Structure formats: C-alpha cells, structure tokens
Amino acid sequence: MKHLIALILGLACGGACALAFLYYNPLTSQESLSPLSVSRGEQFSLMYSAVAGDSIVFTNDGESRTHPHPVKVLQLWEAPIRQTDVLVTMLRDGRNLPAGIGIKFSSRSERTRLLNGEAIVDSVWHVYLPERGTLMIEQSENYWSYLRDIVVPAHWSSGDSWRGNWRGTITEGPGALGTALVHGGSGVFAGIDFEAIETLAAHAWSATDGAVSVEGQILIEMPTGSAELAD
C-alpha cells in the first residue's frame, strides 16, 4: 500500500513539474518587436471585435469553448474541417468607422510545439473594402503568449475568468520578417503585394465562453509610392 501511495504521489509531482516547466519554460521564444512598428512605410489599419457574439457569423465544430453565432448557423463538424473556425465580421478603419467586411478562416496547425512556445494557427483573411477593392491576407499565427497569459490564468481563477490589459502580436509569418503576406485582388489593390501584422488587445476572457472583451487589429503596410491606397 505504501508503494502504491508513493507511486501516485510521484506521478502527481512529476505531472505538476512538467506543467510548471511548460508554463514557465525559459527556452520558449519571447515576443519580439513587430517589424512594422519600426517601419517608415505608409500604413493603414483595420480593426474588428474578436468576440464571437459581436460578429456577423462565427462557426466552428460546435463543441469548442466559443459557441457558434448565431445559434442556428451550420457547424463545421466534418472531419476535414473540424479543426477550422470561420469568422465573418465588420471591419473598422482608424477613425472607428465601418470600412468593410472581413472573412477569416483559421485552422489549427500540425506545426504546434508547446514545448517550444508554439501554438500555431494558419489563417487566411478575405477582405472587401467598398469602393476600394479586395485583399487576401495569408498568415501563420502563434497564440502561445495568449494561452499562457490569459487562457491558463482564467482556468486557474476561482471565478473561471481573466480580466486585465494584454496586447500582443499574433502574426509569425510566412514573411521572412515574421509578417503576413497580403495580395491585392481587385480595385485599387489589384496586382499589388503588401505586408501586414495582426495584433490582439484583450481585457476580459471566460473559461466557459472564451473571449469576452478582445479587439483585433490588422496593420497593413503599402509598397513605396502607394500611399494613396491608405486613403
């Protein structure tokens, strides 16, 4: 009996140590300065609410923490797309005025390596800006800091929630400098390639419902000589 108790205690201690190492792992990559934050190129931003209930449409497999919106929207339960989320949302410009519609497809990546601080999601934005044109934004996102600083503390909290002020860049490629690749589709953007980053600003998160107060921002940098595209 003593050996069994010792074994159980040993497994519990080992599990706790493994979780502590994963959470505090000094070998995980630290968030670096965004390459666009020190750029002198012309930029424009598109903002949106990352709360599912604020979207036009949000859907997933129907079993995730964040529930589809509206309630009767079709769910992505088929095996090939079960790990995918779809968001349709209004985009706002730098003056907080409606700028267009964004459709985002996000799929959890097989390249995720939590021991390396990599919680990877591959995503594509399809952006329509009336009277200006369309854009496609291709990116890989790393949610490790978001999970460590917000999601885990929310689960540890006695109220199953997190409140605070957190801001971070989630874009981690595929551009050489860790930026997203933006391809102009039509209108004034046709045939032009851009770079972009996406950031999140979180203020409240629930362990039962997901994001409660989270804002997203897409910062897009135009090629040299294309400043008029930001108007």
C-alpha atoms as a PDB file:
ATOM      1  CA  MET A   1       0.000   0.000   0.000  1.00  0.00           C
ATOM      2  CA  LYS A   2       2.832   2.362   0.868  1.00  0.00           C
ATOM      3  CA  HIS A   3       4.434   1.705  -2.512  1.00  0.00           C
ATOM      4  CA  LEU A   4       1.159   2.476  -4.294  1.00  0.00           C
ATOM      5  CA  ILE A   5       0.771   5.759  -2.419  1.00  0.00           C
ATOM      6  CA  ALA A   6       4.366   6.658  -3.176  1.00  0.00           C
ATOM      7  CA  LEU A   7       3.800   5.877  -6.865  1.00  0.00           C
ATOM      8  CA  ILE A   8       0.683   8.046  -7.030  1.00  0.00           C
ATOM      9  CA  LEU A   9       2.422  10.915  -5.247  1.00  0.00           C
ATOM     10  CA  GLY A  10       5.402  10.566  -7.561  1.00  0.00           C
ATOM     11  CA  LEU A  11       3.207  10.691 -10.669  1.00  0.00           C
ATOM     12  CA  ALA A  12       1.336  13.719  -9.329  1.00  0.00           C
ATOM     13  CA  CYS A  13       4.563  15.555  -8.531  1.00  0.00           C
ATOM     14  CA  GLY A  14       6.010  14.649 -11.902  1.00  0.00           C
ATOM     15  CA  GLY A  15       2.910  15.886 -13.698  1.00  0.00           C
ATOM     16  CA  ALA A  16       2.931  19.132 -11.723  1.00  0.00           C
ATOM     17  CA  CYS A  17       6.612  19.687 -12.514  1.00  0.00           C
ATOM     18  CA  ALA A  18       6.002  19.012 -16.210  1.00  0.00           C
ATOM     19  CA  LEU A  19       3.143  21.518 -16.318  1.00  0.00           C
ATOM     20  CA  ALA A  20       5.201  24.090 -14.424  1.00  0.00           C
ATOM     21  CA  PHE A  21       8.101  23.648 -16.857  1.00  0.00           C
ATOM     22  CA  LEU A  22       5.752  24.017 -19.815  1.00  0.00           C
ATOM     23  CA  TYR A  23       4.255  27.222 -18.387  1.00  0.00           C
ATOM     24  CA  TYR A  24       7.489  28.853 -17.207  1.00  0.00           C
ATOM     25  CA  ASN A  25       9.797  27.299 -19.814  1.00  0.00           C
ATOM     26  CA  PRO A  26      12.689  29.775 -20.278  1.00  0.00           C
ATOM     27  CA  LEU A  27      13.528  28.203 -23.637  1.00  0.00           C
ATOM     28  CA  THR A  28      10.289  29.311 -25.304  1.00  0.00           C
ATOM     29  CA  SER A  29      10.606  32.185 -27.713  1.00  0.00           C
ATOM     30  CA  GLN A  30       9.851  35.604 -26.300  1.00  0.00           C
ATOM     31  CA  GLU A  31       7.599  38.043 -28.145  1.00  0.00           C
ATOM     32  CA  SER A  32       9.745  40.370 -30.222  1.00  0.00           C
ATOM     33  CA  LEU A  33       9.171  43.863 -31.543  1.00  0.00           C
ATOM     34  CA  SER A  34       6.890  43.893 -34.555  1.00  0.00           C
ATOM     35  CA  PRO A  35       8.848  44.637 -37.752  1.00  0.00           C
ATOM     36  CA  LEU A  36       6.164  47.068 -38.945  1.00  0.00           C
ATOM     37  CA  SER A  37       6.337  49.106 -35.744  1.00  0.00           C
ATOM     38  CA  VAL A  38       9.737  50.476 -36.771  1.00  0.00           C
ATOM     39  CA  SER A  39       8.955  50.796 -40.462  1.00  0.00           C
ATOM     40  CA  ARG A  40       8.684  54.186 -42.160  1.00  0.00           C
ATOM     41  CA  GLY A  41       6.288  52.940 -44.821  1.00  0.00           C
ATOM     42  CA  GLU A  42       2.732  54.191 -45.209  1.00  0.00           C
ATOM     43  CA  GLN A  43       0.284  52.058 -43.236  1.00  0.00           C
ATOM     44  CA  PHE A  44      -3.421  51.714 -42.616  1.00  0.00           C
ATOM     45  CA  SER A  45      -5.269  49.652 -40.035  1.00  0.00           C
ATOM     46  CA  LEU A  46      -8.454  47.594 -39.945  1.00  0.00           C
ATOM     47  CA  MET A  47      -9.991  46.816 -36.569  1.00  0.00           C
ATOM     48  CA  TYR A  48     -12.595  44.260 -35.511  1.00  0.00           C
ATOM     49  CA  SER A  49     -14.121  42.640 -32.451  1.00  0.00           C
ATOM     50  CA  ALA A  50     -12.720  39.155 -31.762  1.00  0.00           C
ATOM     51  CA  VAL A  51     -15.803  38.267 -29.660  1.00  0.00           C
ATOM     52  CA  ALA A  52     -17.952  35.705 -31.480  1.00  0.00           C
ATOM     53  CA  GLY A  53     -21.190  37.320 -30.326  1.00  0.00           C
ATOM     54  CA  ASP A  54     -20.199  40.619 -31.958  1.00  0.00           C
ATOM     55  CA  SER A  55     -19.599  39.047 -35.361  1.00  0.00           C
ATOM     56  CA  ILE A  56     -21.930  38.726 -38.316  1.00  0.00           C
ATOM     57  CA  VAL A  57     -21.286  34.977 -38.373  1.00  0.00           C
ATOM     58  CA  PHE A  58     -18.953  32.726 -36.399  1.00  0.00           C
ATOM     59  CA  THR A  59     -18.855  28.961 -36.655  1.00  0.00           C
ATOM     60  CA  ASN A  60     -16.689  26.003 -35.651  1.00  0.00           C
ATOM     61  CA  ASP A  61     -17.178  22.318 -34.804  1.00  0.00           C
ATOM     62  CA  GLY A  62     -19.899  23.188 -32.273  1.00  0.00           C
ATOM     63  CA  GLU A  63     -18.002  21.515 -29.438  1.00  0.00           C
ATOM     64  CA  SER A  64     -15.403  24.185 -28.752  1.00  0.00           C
ATOM     65  CA  ARG A  65     -15.496  26.672 -25.883  1.00  0.00           C
ATOM     66  CA  THR A  66     -16.554  29.503 -28.181  1.00  0.00           C
ATOM     67  CA  HIS A  67     -20.075  28.832 -29.378  1.00  0.00           C
ATOM     68  CA  PRO A  68     -21.216  29.444 -32.975  1.00  0.00           C
ATOM     69  CA  HIS A  69     -23.104  32.666 -33.663  1.00  0.00           C
ATOM     70  CA  PRO A  70     -25.946  32.961 -34.453  1.00  0.00           C
ATOM     71  CA  VAL A  71     -27.140  29.824 -32.712  1.00  0.00           C
ATOM     72  CA  LYS A  72     -28.592  28.110 -35.789  1.00  0.00           C
ATOM     73  CA  VAL A  73     -25.581  28.637 -38.057  1.00  0.00           C
ATOM     74  CA  LEU A  74     -24.268  25.454 -39.683  1.00  0.00           C
ATOM     75  CA  GLN A  75     -21.362  23.882 -37.797  1.00  0.00           C
ATOM     76  CA  LEU A  76     -18.098  22.538 -39.226  1.00  0.00           C
ATOM     77  CA  TRP A  77     -18.286  19.027 -37.828  1.00  0.00           C
ATOM     78  CA  GLU A  78     -16.993  17.161 -40.912  1.00  0.00           C
ATOM     79  CA  ALA A  79     -13.570  15.570 -40.335  1.00  0.00           C
ATOM     80  CA  PRO A  80     -11.562  17.634 -42.902  1.00  0.00           C
ATOM     81  CA  ILE A  81     -12.717  20.962 -41.401  1.00  0.00           C
ATOM     82  CA  ARG A  82     -13.339  20.049 -37.763  1.00  0.00           C
ATOM     83  CA  GLN A  83     -10.247  21.996 -36.662  1.00  0.00           C
ATOM     84  CA  THR A  84     -11.310  25.140 -38.542  1.00  0.00           C
ATOM     85  CA  ASP A  85     -13.061  28.321 -37.362  1.00  0.00           C
ATOM     86  CA  VAL A  86     -14.795  30.786 -39.692  1.00  0.00           C
ATOM     87  CA  LEU A  87     -15.390  34.424 -38.740  1.00  0.00           C
ATOM     88  CA  VAL A  88     -17.369  36.966 -40.758  1.00  0.00           C
ATOM     89  CA  THR A  89     -17.107  40.411 -39.211  1.00  0.00           C
ATOM     90  CA  MET A  90     -17.345  44.127 -39.849  1.00  0.00           C
ATOM     91  CA  LEU A  91     -14.001  45.893 -40.176  1.00  0.00           C
ATOM     92  CA  ARG A  92     -13.455  49.448 -38.925  1.00  0.00           C
ATOM     93  CA  ASP A  93     -10.882  51.994 -40.034  1.00  0.00           C
ATOM     94  CA  GLY A  94      -8.512  54.082 -37.905  1.00  0.00           C
ATOM     95  CA  ARG A  95     -11.344  56.530 -37.165  1.00  0.00           C
ATOM     96  CA  ASN A  96     -13.503  53.646 -35.884  1.00  0.00           C
ATOM     97  CA  LEU A  97     -15.861  53.982 -38.850  1.00  0.00           C
ATOM     98  CA  PRO A  98     -17.163  50.991 -40.859  1.00  0.00           C
ATOM     99  CA  ALA A  99     -14.640  50.169 -43.577  1.00  0.00           C
ATOM    100  CA  GLY A 100     -15.684  46.805 -44.979  1.00  0.00           C
ATOM    101  CA  ILE A 101     -16.253  43.116 -44.384  1.00  0.00           C
ATOM    102  CA  GLY A 102     -13.661  40.528 -43.376  1.00  0.00           C
ATOM    103  CA  ILE A 103     -13.972  36.740 -43.650  1.00  0.00           C
ATOM    104  CA  LYS A 104     -11.337  34.793 -41.724  1.00  0.00           C
ATOM    105  CA  PHE A 105     -10.639  31.060 -41.998  1.00  0.00           C
ATOM    106  CA  SER A 106      -8.426  29.717 -39.186  1.00  0.00           C
ATOM    107  CA  SER A 107      -7.164  26.140 -38.810  1.00  0.00           C
ATOM    108  CA  ARG A 108      -5.052  24.681 -36.023  1.00  0.00           C
ATOM    109  CA  SER A 109      -1.662  23.673 -37.376  1.00  0.00           C
ATOM    110  CA  GLU A 110       0.226  20.406 -37.081  1.00  0.00           C
ATOM    111  CA  ARG A 111       3.341  22.545 -36.542  1.00  0.00           C
ATOM    112  CA  THR A 112       2.256  23.364 -32.974  1.00  0.00           C
ATOM    113  CA  ARG A 113       5.035  22.602 -30.482  1.00  0.00           C
ATOM    114  CA  LEU A 114       4.063  23.771 -26.995  1.00  0.00           C
ATOM    115  CA  LEU A 115       7.475  22.894 -25.561  1.00  0.00           C
ATOM    116  CA  ASN A 116       8.934  25.428 -27.985  1.00  0.00           C
ATOM    117  CA  GLY A 117       6.307  28.042 -27.175  1.00  0.00           C
ATOM    118  CA  GLU A 118       4.496  27.496 -30.482  1.00  0.00           C
ATOM    119  CA  ALA A 119       0.689  27.260 -30.546  1.00  0.00           C
ATOM    120  CA  ILE A 120       0.270  27.715 -34.291  1.00  0.00           C
ATOM    121  CA  VAL A 121      -2.842  28.568 -36.267  1.00  0.00           C
ATOM    122  CA  ASP A 122      -2.811  29.037 -40.055  1.00  0.00           C
ATOM    123  CA  SER A 123      -5.297  31.605 -41.308  1.00  0.00           C
ATOM    124  CA  VAL A 124      -6.481  33.490 -44.366  1.00  0.00           C
ATOM    125  CA  TRP A 125      -8.420  36.758 -44.375  1.00  0.00           C
ATOM    126  CA  HIS A 126     -10.588  37.727 -47.342  1.00  0.00           C
ATOM    127  CA  VAL A 127     -11.217  41.474 -47.049  1.00  0.00           C
ATOM    128  CA  TYR A 128     -13.720  43.537 -49.029  1.00  0.00           C
ATOM    129  CA  LEU A 129     -13.492  47.328 -48.757  1.00  0.00           C
ATOM    130  CA  PRO A 130     -16.335  49.012 -50.706  1.00  0.00           C
ATOM    131  CA  GLU A 131     -15.240  51.398 -53.475  1.00  0.00           C
ATOM    132  CA  ARG A 132     -11.620  50.379 -52.908  1.00  0.00           C
ATOM    133  CA  GLY A 133     -11.246  46.680 -53.640  1.00  0.00           C
ATOM    134  CA  THR A 134     -10.373  43.321 -52.134  1.00  0.00           C
ATOM    135  CA  LEU A 135      -7.387  41.859 -50.306  1.00  0.00           C
ATOM    136  CA  MET A 136      -6.286  38.401 -49.219  1.00  0.00           C
ATOM    137  CA  ILE A 137      -4.102  38.094 -46.112  1.00  0.00           C
ATOM    138  CA  GLU A 138      -2.176  34.854 -45.589  1.00  0.00           C
ATOM    139  CA  GLN A 139      -0.530  34.256 -42.236  1.00  0.00           C
ATOM    140  CA  SER A 140       0.643  31.887 -39.542  1.00  0.00           C
ATOM    141  CA  GLU A 141      -0.297  32.922 -36.016  1.00  0.00           C
ATOM    142  CA  ASN A 142       1.273  31.990 -32.678  1.00  0.00           C
ATOM    143  CA  TYR A 143      -1.106  32.018 -29.704  1.00  0.00           C
ATOM    144  CA  TRP A 144       1.384  30.809 -27.097  1.00  0.00           C
ATOM    145  CA  SER A 145       1.576  34.130 -25.209  1.00  0.00           C
ATOM    146  CA  TYR A 146      -2.217  34.465 -25.394  1.00  0.00           C
ATOM    147  CA  LEU A 147      -2.666  30.985 -23.904  1.00  0.00           C
ATOM    148  CA  ARG A 148      -0.015  31.481 -21.212  1.00  0.00           C
ATOM    149  CA  ASP A 149      -1.019  34.977 -20.116  1.00  0.00           C
ATOM    150  CA  ILE A 150      -4.813  34.808 -20.490  1.00  0.00           C
ATOM    151  CA  VAL A 151      -6.304  31.346 -21.019  1.00  0.00           C
ATOM    152  CA  VAL A 152      -4.347  29.494 -18.325  1.00  0.00           C
ATOM    153  CA  PRO A 153      -4.857  32.189 -15.636  1.00  0.00           C
ATOM    154  CA  ALA A 154      -8.601  32.188 -16.454  1.00  0.00           C
ATOM    155  CA  HIS A 155      -8.783  28.458 -15.723  1.00  0.00           C
ATOM    156  CA  TRP A 156      -6.775  28.867 -12.523  1.00  0.00           C
ATOM    157  CA  SER A 157      -9.002  31.709 -11.309  1.00  0.00           C
ATOM    158  CA  SER A 158     -11.709  30.893  -8.765  1.00  0.00           C
ATOM    159  CA  GLY A 159     -14.127  32.856 -10.955  1.00  0.00           C
ATOM    160  CA  ASP A 160     -13.139  30.968 -14.126  1.00  0.00           C
ATOM    161  CA  SER A 161     -12.292  34.264 -15.799  1.00  0.00           C
ATOM    162  CA  TRP A 162      -9.457  36.676 -16.549  1.00  0.00           C
ATOM    163  CA  ARG A 163      -9.501  40.471 -16.565  1.00  0.00           C
ATOM    164  CA  GLY A 164      -6.639  42.801 -17.350  1.00  0.00           C
ATOM    165  CA  ASN A 165      -4.867  44.574 -20.177  1.00  0.00           C
ATOM    166  CA  TRP A 166      -2.966  42.419 -22.643  1.00  0.00           C
ATOM    167  CA  ARG A 167      -1.750  43.264 -26.106  1.00  0.00           C
ATOM    168  CA  GLY A 168       0.324  41.105 -28.387  1.00  0.00           C
ATOM    169  CA  THR A 169       1.238  40.389 -31.987  1.00  0.00           C
ATOM    170  CA  ILE A 170      -0.044  37.012 -33.131  1.00  0.00           C
ATOM    171  CA  THR A 171       1.396  37.063 -36.674  1.00  0.00           C
ATOM    172  CA  GLU A 172       4.506  34.906 -37.121  1.00  0.00           C
ATOM    173  CA  GLY A 173       4.929  34.544 -40.857  1.00  0.00           C
ATOM    174  CA  PRO A 174       5.102  33.346 -43.561  1.00  0.00           C
ATOM    175  CA  GLY A 175       7.011  36.542 -44.435  1.00  0.00           C
ATOM    176  CA  ALA A 176      10.762  36.461 -43.856  1.00  0.00           C
ATOM    177  CA  LEU A 177      10.489  39.062 -41.059  1.00  0.00           C
ATOM    178  CA  GLY A 178       7.518  37.368 -39.412  1.00  0.00           C
ATOM    179  CA  THR A 179       4.885  39.357 -41.290  1.00  0.00           C
ATOM    180  CA  ALA A 180       1.747  38.210 -43.074  1.00  0.00           C
ATOM    181  CA  LEU A 181       1.595  38.231 -46.879  1.00  0.00           C
ATOM    182  CA  VAL A 182      -1.105  40.435 -48.393  1.00  0.00           C
ATOM    183  CA  HIS A 183      -2.204  40.050 -52.001  1.00  0.00           C
ATOM    184  CA  GLY A 184      -4.337  42.672 -53.732  1.00  0.00           C
ATOM    185  CA  GLY A 185      -7.290  41.160 -55.516  1.00  0.00           C
ATOM    186  CA  SER A 186      -9.297  43.915 -57.177  1.00  0.00           C
ATOM    187  CA  GLY A 187      -9.907  47.650 -57.307  1.00  0.00           C
ATOM    188  CA  VAL A 188      -7.051  49.933 -56.287  1.00  0.00           C
ATOM    189  CA  PHE A 189      -5.257  46.947 -54.714  1.00  0.00           C
ATOM    190  CA  ALA A 190      -5.224  44.774 -57.850  1.00  0.00           C
ATOM    191  CA  GLY A 191      -1.869  43.118 -58.519  1.00  0.00           C
ATOM    192  CA  ILE A 192      -0.104  44.694 -55.522  1.00  0.00           C
ATOM    193  CA  ASP A 193       1.630  42.722 -52.748  1.00  0.00           C
ATOM    194  CA  PHE A 194       1.730  44.074 -49.199  1.00  0.00           C
ATOM    195  CA  GLU A 195       2.885  43.078 -45.737  1.00  0.00           C
ATOM    196  CA  ALA A 196       0.783  43.068 -42.567  1.00  0.00           C
ATOM    197  CA  ILE A 197       0.643  42.040 -38.934  1.00  0.00           C
ATOM    198  CA  GLU A 198      -2.317  41.195 -36.744  1.00  0.00           C
ATOM    199  CA  THR A 199      -2.498  42.065 -33.050  1.00  0.00           C
ATOM    200  CA  LEU A 200      -4.979  41.347 -30.272  1.00  0.00           C
ATOM    201  CA  ALA A 201      -5.874  43.552 -27.302  1.00  0.00           C
ATOM    202  CA  ALA A 202      -7.637  41.581 -24.558  1.00  0.00           C
ATOM    203  CA  HIS A 203      -9.439  42.887 -21.488  1.00  0.00           C
ATOM    204  CA  ALA A 204     -11.703  40.013 -20.396  1.00  0.00           C
ATOM    205  CA  TRP A 205     -11.800  36.271 -21.099  1.00  0.00           C
ATOM    206  CA  SER A 206     -14.022  33.486 -19.741  1.00  0.00           C
ATOM    207  CA  ALA A 207     -13.008  29.871 -19.201  1.00  0.00           C
ATOM    208  CA  THR A 208     -16.530  28.807 -20.167  1.00  0.00           C
ATOM    209  CA  ASP A 209     -17.346  31.144 -23.072  1.00  0.00           C
ATOM    210  CA  GLY A 210     -13.972  32.320 -24.430  1.00  0.00           C
ATOM    211  CA  ALA A 211     -13.325  35.933 -25.445  1.00  0.00           C
ATOM    212  CA  VAL A 212     -15.494  38.487 -23.641  1.00  0.00           C
ATOM    213  CA  SER A 213     -13.646  41.702 -24.498  1.00  0.00           C
ATOM    214  CA  VAL A 214     -10.989  41.225 -27.180  1.00  0.00           C
ATOM    215  CA  GLU A 215     -10.221  43.564 -30.093  1.00  0.00           C
ATOM    216  CA  GLY A 216      -8.213  42.665 -33.170  1.00  0.00           C
ATOM    217  CA  GLN A 217      -6.217  44.955 -35.427  1.00  0.00           C
ATOM    218  CA  ILE A 218      -4.725  44.290 -38.854  1.00  0.00           C
ATOM    219  CA  LEU A 219      -1.948  46.746 -39.700  1.00  0.00           C
ATOM    220  CA  ILE A 220      -1.143  46.810 -43.420  1.00  0.00           C
ATOM    221  CA  GLU A 221       1.915  48.426 -44.961  1.00  0.00           C
ATOM    222  CA  MET A 222       1.757  49.581 -48.560  1.00  0.00           C
ATOM    223  CA  PRO A 223       4.639  49.364 -51.031  1.00  0.00           C
ATOM    224  CA  THR A 224       6.716  52.507 -51.502  1.00  0.00           C
ATOM    225  CA  GLY A 225       4.876  55.046 -53.631  1.00  0.00           C
ATOM    226  CA  SER A 226       1.419  53.636 -52.861  1.00  0.00           C
ATOM    227  CA  ALA A 227       0.402  55.967 -50.051  1.00  0.00           C
ATOM    228  CA  GLU A 228      -2.833  56.871 -51.817  1.00  0.00           C
ATOM    229  CA  LEU A 229      -4.134  53.355 -51.140  1.00  0.00           C
ATOM    230  CA  ALA A 230      -4.443  54.179 -47.456  1.00  0.00           C
ATOM    231  CA  ASP A 231      -6.933  56.993 -48.061  1.00  0.00           C
END
